[in-house]
Structure formats: C-alpha cells, structure tokens
All heavy atoms as atom14 arrays in JSON, in Angstrom:
{
  "sequence": "YCQAHAIRAAERYGAEQEQLDNIWEYRTHPAFSEAERA",
  "atom14_mask": [
    [1, 1, 1, 1, 1, 1, 1, 1, 1, 1, 1, 1, 0, 0],
    [1, 1, 1, 1, 1, 1, 0, 0, 0, 0, 0, 0, 0, 0],
    [1, 1, 1, 1, 1, 1, 1, 1, 1, 0, 0, 0, 0, 0],
    [1, 1, 1, 1, 1, 0, 0, 0, 0, 0, 0, 0, 0, 0],
    [1, 1, 1, 1, 1, 1, 1, 1, 1, 1, 0, 0, 0, 0],
    [1, 1, 1, 1, 1, 0, 0, 0, 0, 0, 0, 0, 0, 0],
    [1, 1, 1, 1, 1, 1, 1, 1, 0, 0, 0, 0, 0, 0],
    [1, 1, 1, 1, 1, 1, 1, 1, 1, 1, 1, 0, 0, 0],
    [1, 1, 1, 1, 1, 0, 0, 0, 0, 0, 0, 0, 0, 0],
    [1, 1, 1, 1, 1, 0, 0, 0, 0, 0, 0, 0, 0, 0],
    [1, 1, 1, 1, 1, 1, 1, 1, 1, 0, 0, 0, 0, 0],
    [1, 1, 1, 1, 1, 1, 1, 1, 1, 1, 1, 0, 0, 0],
    [1, 1, 1, 1, 1, 1, 1, 1, 1, 1, 1, 1, 0, 0],
    [1, 1, 1, 1, 0, 0, 0, 0, 0, 0, 0, 0, 0, 0],
    [1, 1, 1, 1, 1, 0, 0, 0, 0, 0, 0, 0, 0, 0],
    [1, 1, 1, 1, 1, 1, 1, 1, 1, 0, 0, 0, 0, 0],
    [1, 1, 1, 1, 1, 1, 1, 1, 1, 0, 0, 0, 0, 0],
    [1, 1, 1, 1, 1, 1, 1, 1, 1, 0, 0, 0, 0, 0],
    [1, 1, 1, 1, 1, 1, 1, 1, 1, 0, 0, 0, 0, 0],
    [1, 1, 1, 1, 1, 1, 1, 1, 0, 0, 0, 0, 0, 0],
    [1, 1, 1, 1, 1, 1, 1, 1, 0, 0, 0, 0, 0, 0],
    [1, 1, 1, 1, 1, 1, 1, 1, 0, 0, 0, 0, 0, 0],
    [1, 1, 1, 1, 1, 1, 1, 1, 0, 0, 0, 0, 0, 0],
    [1, 1, 1, 1, 1, 1, 1, 1, 1, 1, 1, 1, 1, 1],
    [1, 1, 1, 1, 1, 1, 1, 1, 1, 0, 0, 0, 0, 0],
    [1, 1, 1, 1, 1, 1, 1, 1, 1, 1, 1, 1, 0, 0],
    [1, 1, 1, 1, 1, 1, 1, 1, 1, 1, 1, 0, 0, 0],
    [1, 1, 1, 1, 1, 1, 1, 0, 0, 0, 0, 0, 0, 0],
    [1, 1, 1, 1, 1, 1, 1, 1, 1, 1, 0, 0, 0, 0],
    [1, 1, 1, 1, 1, 1, 1, 0, 0, 0, 0, 0, 0, 0],
    [1, 1, 1, 1, 1, 0, 0, 0, 0, 0, 0, 0, 0, 0],
    [1, 1, 1, 1, 1, 1, 1, 1, 1, 1, 1, 0, 0, 0],
    [1, 1, 1, 1, 1, 1, 0, 0, 0, 0, 0, 0, 0, 0],
    [1, 1, 1, 1, 1, 1, 1, 1, 1, 0, 0, 0, 0, 0],
    [1, 1, 1, 1, 1, 0, 0, 0, 0, 0, 0, 0, 0, 0],
    [1, 1, 1, 1, 1, 1, 1, 1, 1, 0, 0, 0, 0, 0],
    [1, 1, 1, 1, 1, 1, 1, 1, 1, 1, 1, 0, 0, 0],
    [1, 1, 1, 1, 1, 0, 0, 0, 0, 0, 0, 0, 0, 0]
  ],
  "atom14_positions": [
    [[-4.15, -5.38, 15.07], [-5.55, -5.0, 14.83], [-5.61, -3.85, 13.82], [-6.32, -3.92, 12.82], [-6.18, -4.59, 16.16], [-7.64, -4.21, 16.11], [-8.63, -5.17, 16.31], [-8.03, -2.9, 15.89], [-9.98, -4.83, 16.27], [-9.38, -2.54, 15.85], [-10.35, -3.5, 16.04], [-11.68, -3.16, 16.01], [0.0, 0.0, 0.0], [0.0, 0.0, 0.0]],
    [[-4.83, -2.82, 14.06], [-4.86, -1.65, 13.18], [-4.2, -1.92, 11.83], [-4.59, -1.35, 10.82], [-4.2, -0.45, 13.87], [-5.16, 0.15, 15.27], [0.0, 0.0, 0.0], [0.0, 0.0, 0.0], [0.0, 0.0, 0.0], [0.0, 0.0, 0.0], [0.0, 0.0, 0.0], [0.0, 0.0, 0.0], [0.0, 0.0, 0.0], [0.0, 0.0, 0.0]],
    [[-3.21, -2.8, 11.79], [-2.6, -3.18, 10.51], [-3.67, -3.77, 9.59], [-3.79, -3.39, 8.42], [-1.49, -4.22, 10.72], [-0.25, -3.68, 11.39], [0.68, -4.81, 11.85], [0.5, -5.98, 11.51], [1.67, -4.46, 12.65], [0.0, 0.0, 0.0], [0.0, 0.0, 0.0], [0.0, 0.0, 0.0], [0.0, 0.0, 0.0], [0.0, 0.0, 0.0]],
    [[-4.46, -4.7, 10.12], [-5.49, -5.36, 9.31], [-6.59, -4.38, 8.91], [-7.05, -4.39, 7.76], [-6.08, -6.54, 10.09], [0.0, 0.0, 0.0], [0.0, 0.0, 0.0], [0.0, 0.0, 0.0], [0.0, 0.0, 0.0], [0.0, 0.0, 0.0], [0.0, 0.0, 0.0], [0.0, 0.0, 0.0], [0.0, 0.0, 0.0], [0.0, 0.0, 0.0]],
    [[-6.99, -3.51, 9.82], [-8.02, -2.52, 9.49], [-7.52, -1.55, 8.42], [-8.26, -1.21, 7.5], [-8.42, -1.75, 10.75], [-9.4, -2.48, 11.61], [-10.57, -1.93, 12.03], [-9.38, -3.75, 12.11], [-11.25, -2.8, 12.76], [-10.53, -3.92, 12.82], [0.0, 0.0, 0.0], [0.0, 0.0, 0.0], [0.0, 0.0, 0.0], [0.0, 0.0, 0.0]],
    [[-6.29, -1.1, 8.55], [-5.75, -0.13, 7.59], [-5.61, -0.74, 6.2], [-5.95, -0.09, 5.2], [-4.41, 0.41, 8.09], [0.0, 0.0, 0.0], [0.0, 0.0, 0.0], [0.0, 0.0, 0.0], [0.0, 0.0, 0.0], [0.0, 0.0, 0.0], [0.0, 0.0, 0.0], [0.0, 0.0, 0.0], [0.0, 0.0, 0.0], [0.0, 0.0, 0.0]],
    [[-5.13, -1.97, 6.11], [-4.97, -2.58, 4.79], [-6.33, -2.87, 4.16], [-6.52, -2.72, 2.96], [-4.05, -3.84, 4.84], [-3.41, -4.1, 3.48], [-4.79, -5.07, 5.33], [-2.28, -3.18, 3.13], [0.0, 0.0, 0.0], [0.0, 0.0, 0.0], [0.0, 0.0, 0.0], [0.0, 0.0, 0.0], [0.0, 0.0, 0.0], [0.0, 0.0, 0.0]],
    [[-7.31, -3.24, 4.99], [-8.67, -3.47, 4.49], [-9.25, -2.16, 3.94], [-9.83, -2.14, 2.85], [-9.56, -4.02, 5.6], [-11.0, -4.28, 5.15], [-11.83, -4.89, 6.28], [-13.19, -5.15, 5.88], [-13.58, -6.23, 5.23], [-12.7, -7.15, 4.87], [-14.86, -6.4, 4.92], [0.0, 0.0, 0.0], [0.0, 0.0, 0.0], [0.0, 0.0, 0.0]],
    [[-9.1, -1.09, 4.69], [-9.63, 0.21, 4.24], [-8.89, 0.69, 2.99], [-9.51, 1.26, 2.09], [-9.53, 1.23, 5.36], [0.0, 0.0, 0.0], [0.0, 0.0, 0.0], [0.0, 0.0, 0.0], [0.0, 0.0, 0.0], [0.0, 0.0, 0.0], [0.0, 0.0, 0.0], [0.0, 0.0, 0.0], [0.0, 0.0, 0.0], [0.0, 0.0, 0.0]],
    [[-7.59, 0.45, 2.9], [-6.83, 0.84, 1.69], [-7.4, 0.13, 0.47], [-7.6, 0.74, -0.58], [-5.35, 0.51, 1.87], [0.0, 0.0, 0.0], [0.0, 0.0, 0.0], [0.0, 0.0, 0.0], [0.0, 0.0, 0.0], [0.0, 0.0, 0.0], [0.0, 0.0, 0.0], [0.0, 0.0, 0.0], [0.0, 0.0, 0.0], [0.0, 0.0, 0.0]],
    [[-7.7, -1.15, 0.63], [-8.3, -1.9, -0.48], [-9.66, -1.33, -0.84], [-9.96, -1.1, -2.03], [-8.44, -3.37, -0.09], [-9.15, -4.19, -1.15], [-9.52, -5.6, -0.68], [-9.68, -5.83, 0.54], [-9.65, -6.47, -1.56], [0.0, 0.0, 0.0], [0.0, 0.0, 0.0], [0.0, 0.0, 0.0], [0.0, 0.0, 0.0], [0.0, 0.0, 0.0]],
    [[-10.49, -1.09, 0.15], [-11.84, -0.59, -0.11], [-11.84, 0.81, -0.72], [-12.79, 1.19, -1.39], [-12.66, -0.62, 1.18], [-12.96, -2.05, 1.65], [-13.65, -2.08, 2.99], [-15.0, -1.52, 2.94], [-16.1, -2.21, 2.71], [-16.04, -3.51, 2.48], [-17.27, -1.61, 2.72], [0.0, 0.0, 0.0], [0.0, 0.0, 0.0], [0.0, 0.0, 0.0]],
    [[-10.77, 1.57, -0.49], [-10.67, 2.92, -1.05], [-9.82, 2.98, -2.3], [-9.39, 4.05, -2.7], [-10.18, 3.9, 0.01], [-11.31, 4.37, 0.9], [-11.5, 3.82, 2.15], [-12.2, 5.34, 0.47], [-12.54, 4.22, 2.97], [-13.25, 5.75, 1.26], [-13.41, 5.19, 2.52], [-14.46, 5.6, 3.32], [0.0, 0.0, 0.0], [0.0, 0.0, 0.0]],
    [[-9.55, 1.84, -2.92], [-8.98, 1.84, -4.25], [-7.47, 1.77, -4.37], [-6.94, 2.1, -5.44], [0.0, 0.0, 0.0], [0.0, 0.0, 0.0], [0.0, 0.0, 0.0], [0.0, 0.0, 0.0], [0.0, 0.0, 0.0], [0.0, 0.0, 0.0], [0.0, 0.0, 0.0], [0.0, 0.0, 0.0], [0.0, 0.0, 0.0], [0.0, 0.0, 0.0]],
    [[-6.76, 1.37, -3.34], [-5.31, 1.18, -3.48], [-5.09, 0.11, -4.55], [-5.84, -0.86, -4.65], [-4.68, 0.75, -2.16], [0.0, 0.0, 0.0], [0.0, 0.0, 0.0], [0.0, 0.0, 0.0], [0.0, 0.0, 0.0], [0.0, 0.0, 0.0], [0.0, 0.0, 0.0], [0.0, 0.0, 0.0], [0.0, 0.0, 0.0], [0.0, 0.0, 0.0]],
    [[-4.06, 0.3, -5.35], [-3.76, -0.66, -6.41], [-3.4, -2.01, -5.8], [-2.74, -2.08, -4.77], [-2.6, -0.15, -7.25], [-2.89, 1.13, -8.0], [-1.67, 1.67, -8.72], [-0.71, 0.91, -8.95], [-1.68, 2.86, -9.04], [0.0, 0.0, 0.0], [0.0, 0.0, 0.0], [0.0, 0.0, 0.0], [0.0, 0.0, 0.0], [0.0, 0.0, 0.0]],
    [[-3.83, -3.08, -6.47], [-3.55, -4.43, -6.0], [-2.06, -4.64, -5.78], [-1.64, -5.24, -4.79], [-4.09, -5.46, -7.01], [-3.99, -6.89, -6.51], [-4.92, -7.15, -5.34], [-6.06, -6.71, -5.34], [-4.43, -7.87, -4.34], [0.0, 0.0, 0.0], [0.0, 0.0, 0.0], [0.0, 0.0, 0.0], [0.0, 0.0, 0.0], [0.0, 0.0, 0.0]],
    [[-1.24, -4.12, -6.69], [0.2, -4.31, -6.57], [0.75, -3.61, -5.32], [1.68, -4.1, -4.69], [0.9, -3.78, -7.84], [2.29, -4.32, -8.01], [2.87, -4.01, -9.37], [2.24, -3.3, -10.17], [4.0, -4.47, -9.6], [0.0, 0.0, 0.0], [0.0, 0.0, 0.0], [0.0, 0.0, 0.0], [0.0, 0.0, 0.0], [0.0, 0.0, 0.0]],
    [[0.16, -2.48, -4.95], [0.57, -1.81, -3.72], [0.16, -2.62, -2.5], [0.94, -2.78, -1.57], [-0.02, -0.4, -3.66], [0.59, 0.55, -4.67], [-0.02, 1.93, -4.57], [-1.23, 2.09, -4.42], [0.82, 2.93, -4.69], [0.0, 0.0, 0.0], [0.0, 0.0, 0.0], [0.0, 0.0, 0.0], [0.0, 0.0, 0.0], [0.0, 0.0, 0.0]],
    [[-1.06, -3.13, -2.51], [-1.54, -3.93, -1.38], [-0.69, -5.18, -1.21], [-0.35, -5.55, -0.09], [-3.0, -4.31, -1.6], [-4.0, -3.16, -1.59], [-5.35, -3.62, -2.11], [-4.12, -2.54, -0.22], [0.0, 0.0, 0.0], [0.0, 0.0, 0.0], [0.0, 0.0, 0.0], [0.0, 0.0, 0.0], [0.0, 0.0, 0.0], [0.0, 0.0, 0.0]],
    [[-0.33, -5.79, -2.31], [0.47, -7.02, -2.26], [1.91, -6.77, -1.84], [2.6, -7.69, -1.41], [0.47, -7.72, -3.61], [-0.88, -8.35, -3.95], [-1.68, -8.6, -3.03], [-1.12, -8.57, -5.16], [0.0, 0.0, 0.0], [0.0, 0.0, 0.0], [0.0, 0.0, 0.0], [0.0, 0.0, 0.0], [0.0, 0.0, 0.0], [0.0, 0.0, 0.0]],
    [[2.37, -5.51, -1.97], [3.79, -5.21, -1.72], [3.99, -4.06, -0.75], [5.02, -3.4, -0.79], [4.48, -4.92, -3.06], [4.47, -6.12, -3.96], [5.21, -7.07, -3.75], [3.59, -6.12, -4.95], [0.0, 0.0, 0.0], [0.0, 0.0, 0.0], [0.0, 0.0, 0.0], [0.0, 0.0, 0.0], [0.0, 0.0, 0.0], [0.0, 0.0, 0.0]],
    [[3.01, -3.82, 0.12], [3.1, -2.71, 1.07], [4.35, -2.8, 1.93], [4.95, -1.79, 2.29], [1.82, -2.6, 1.93], [1.81, -1.33, 2.77], [1.63, -3.83, 2.81], [1.45, -0.09, 2.05], [0.0, 0.0, 0.0], [0.0, 0.0, 0.0], [0.0, 0.0, 0.0], [0.0, 0.0, 0.0], [0.0, 0.0, 0.0], [0.0, 0.0, 0.0]],
    [[4.8, -4.01, 2.22], [6.0, -4.19, 3.04], [7.23, -3.62, 2.35], [8.2, -3.28, 3.02], [6.24, -5.67, 3.33], [5.18, -6.34, 4.14], [4.07, -6.97, 3.67], [5.14, -6.47, 5.56], [3.34, -7.49, 4.71], [3.97, -7.2, 5.89], [5.98, -6.05, 6.59], [3.63, -7.52, 7.19], [5.62, -6.38, 7.89], [4.46, -7.08, 8.18]],
    [[7.21, -3.57, 1.02], [8.38, -3.11, 0.26], [8.15, -1.74, -0.39], [8.67, -1.47, -1.47], [8.73, -4.14, -0.83], [9.28, -5.44, -0.3], [8.17, -6.46, -0.03], [7.16, -6.45, -0.74], [8.32, -7.25, 0.93], [0.0, 0.0, 0.0], [0.0, 0.0, 0.0], [0.0, 0.0, 0.0], [0.0, 0.0, 0.0], [0.0, 0.0, 0.0]],
    [[7.38, -0.88, 0.24], [7.02, 0.4, -0.39], [8.24, 1.22, -0.79], [8.19, 1.97, -1.75], [6.09, 1.22, 0.51], [6.78, 1.93, 1.65], [7.38, 3.17, 1.45], [6.86, 1.37, 2.92], [8.03, 3.82, 2.49], [7.5, 2.01, 3.96], [8.09, 3.23, 3.73], [8.74, 3.87, 4.76], [0.0, 0.0, 0.0], [0.0, 0.0, 0.0]],
    [[9.35, 1.09, -0.08], [10.53, 1.91, -0.36], [11.19, 1.56, -1.69], [11.83, 2.41, -2.3], [11.56, 1.78, 0.75], [11.21, 2.55, 1.98], [12.33, 2.49, 2.99], [12.14, 3.49, 4.01], [12.57, 3.36, 5.24], [13.22, 2.26, 5.62], [12.37, 4.32, 6.12], [0.0, 0.0, 0.0], [0.0, 0.0, 0.0], [0.0, 0.0, 0.0]],
    [[11.06, 0.33, -2.12], [11.76, -0.11, -3.33], [10.85, -0.61, -4.43], [11.27, -0.72, -5.57], [12.76, -1.24, -2.98], [12.05, -2.31, -2.35], [13.85, -0.72, -2.04], [0.0, 0.0, 0.0], [0.0, 0.0, 0.0], [0.0, 0.0, 0.0], [0.0, 0.0, 0.0], [0.0, 0.0, 0.0], [0.0, 0.0, 0.0], [0.0, 0.0, 0.0]],
    [[9.61, -0.94, -4.12], [8.74, -1.53, -5.13], [8.26, -0.47, -6.13], [7.85, 0.62, -5.74], [7.54, -2.23, -4.47], [6.88, -3.18, -5.4], [5.96, -2.77, -6.35], [7.03, -4.51, -5.57], [5.56, -3.81, -7.05], [6.2, -4.89, -6.59], [0.0, 0.0, 0.0], [0.0, 0.0, 0.0], [0.0, 0.0, 0.0], [0.0, 0.0, 0.0]],
    [[8.28, -0.8, -7.43], [7.89, 0.18, -8.46], [6.42, 0.6, -8.43], [6.06, 1.59, -9.09], [8.25, -0.51, -9.77], [8.38, -1.96, -9.46], [8.76, -2.06, -8.01], [0.0, 0.0, 0.0], [0.0, 0.0, 0.0], [0.0, 0.0, 0.0], [0.0, 0.0, 0.0], [0.0, 0.0, 0.0], [0.0, 0.0, 0.0], [0.0, 0.0, 0.0]],
    [[5.58, -0.09, -7.68], [4.17, 0.3, -7.6], [3.97, 1.61, -6.83], [2.9, 2.21, -6.9], [3.36, -0.82, -6.94], [0.0, 0.0, 0.0], [0.0, 0.0, 0.0], [0.0, 0.0, 0.0], [0.0, 0.0, 0.0], [0.0, 0.0, 0.0], [0.0, 0.0, 0.0], [0.0, 0.0, 0.0], [0.0, 0.0, 0.0], [0.0, 0.0, 0.0]],
    [[5.01, 2.05, -6.11], [4.9, 3.26, -5.29], [5.66, 4.4, -5.93], [6.81, 4.25, -6.34], [5.43, 2.99, -3.88], [4.62, 1.97, -3.14], [4.92, 0.61, -3.25], [3.54, 2.35, -2.36], [4.15, -0.35, -2.59], [2.78, 1.41, -1.69], [3.07, 0.05, -1.82], [0.0, 0.0, 0.0], [0.0, 0.0, 0.0], [0.0, 0.0, 0.0]],
    [[5.02, 5.57, -5.99], [5.67, 6.77, -6.53], [6.61, 7.38, -5.49], [6.53, 7.05, -4.29], [4.61, 7.79, -6.93], [3.98, 8.32, -5.76], [0.0, 0.0, 0.0], [0.0, 0.0, 0.0], [0.0, 0.0, 0.0], [0.0, 0.0, 0.0], [0.0, 0.0, 0.0], [0.0, 0.0, 0.0], [0.0, 0.0, 0.0], [0.0, 0.0, 0.0]],
    [[7.44, 8.3, -5.93], [8.33, 9.01, -4.99], [7.51, 9.81, -3.99], [7.88, 9.9, -2.82], [9.31, 9.9, -5.76], [10.36, 9.12, -6.53], [11.2, 8.19, -5.65], [11.63, 8.6, -4.56], [11.38, 7.03, -6.06], [0.0, 0.0, 0.0], [0.0, 0.0, 0.0], [0.0, 0.0, 0.0], [0.0, 0.0, 0.0], [0.0, 0.0, 0.0]],
    [[6.41, 10.39, -4.43], [5.55, 11.15, -3.51], [4.96, 10.23, -2.44], [4.93, 10.58, -1.25], [4.44, 11.85, -4.28], [0.0, 0.0, 0.0], [0.0, 0.0, 0.0], [0.0, 0.0, 0.0], [0.0, 0.0, 0.0], [0.0, 0.0, 0.0], [0.0, 0.0, 0.0], [0.0, 0.0, 0.0], [0.0, 0.0, 0.0], [0.0, 0.0, 0.0]],
    [[4.51, 9.05, -2.84], [3.97, 8.09, -1.87], [5.07, 7.61, -0.92], [4.83, 7.5, 0.28], [3.36, 6.89, -2.61], [2.07, 7.26, -3.33], [1.61, 6.19, -4.3], [2.46, 5.45, -4.86], [0.38, 6.11, -4.51], [0.0, 0.0, 0.0], [0.0, 0.0, 0.0], [0.0, 0.0, 0.0], [0.0, 0.0, 0.0], [0.0, 0.0, 0.0]],
    [[6.25, 7.37, -1.45], [7.36, 6.95, -0.58], [7.67, 8.02, 0.47], [7.92, 7.71, 1.63], [8.61, 6.67, -1.41], [8.54, 5.39, -2.17], [9.88, 5.06, -2.85], [9.73, 3.83, -3.59], [9.65, 3.75, -4.91], [9.78, 4.82, -5.65], [9.49, 2.57, -5.49], [0.0, 0.0, 0.0], [0.0, 0.0, 0.0], [0.0, 0.0, 0.0]],
    [[7.66, 9.29, 0.05], [7.92, 10.38, 1.0], [6.87, 10.39, 2.1], [7.19, 10.55, 3.28], [7.97, 11.72, 0.27], [0.0, 0.0, 0.0], [0.0, 0.0, 0.0], [0.0, 0.0, 0.0], [0.0, 0.0, 0.0], [0.0, 0.0, 0.0], [0.0, 0.0, 0.0], [0.0, 0.0, 0.0], [0.0, 0.0, 0.0], [0.0, 0.0, 0.0]]
  ]
}
C-alpha cells in the first residue's frame, strides 16, 4: 500500500521519469546522484 502511495507522490512531486522507472536500482542507476544514494 505504502509503496504505491510513495511512488505516486514521487511522480506528482516531480521525480524524474528515469528515477521512477528505475527506483529498484537506485544504488547503481545513473539517474541517481551520490547524495540521493546516501
């Protein structure tokens, strides 16, 4: 329930499409900065 709500809110608040599409791989995907990874 909260996974779906959080990803919906991230989209509505302007998360980049590439981040939304690759949230599962935040540790390695280039769409995420080092600050975001931390």
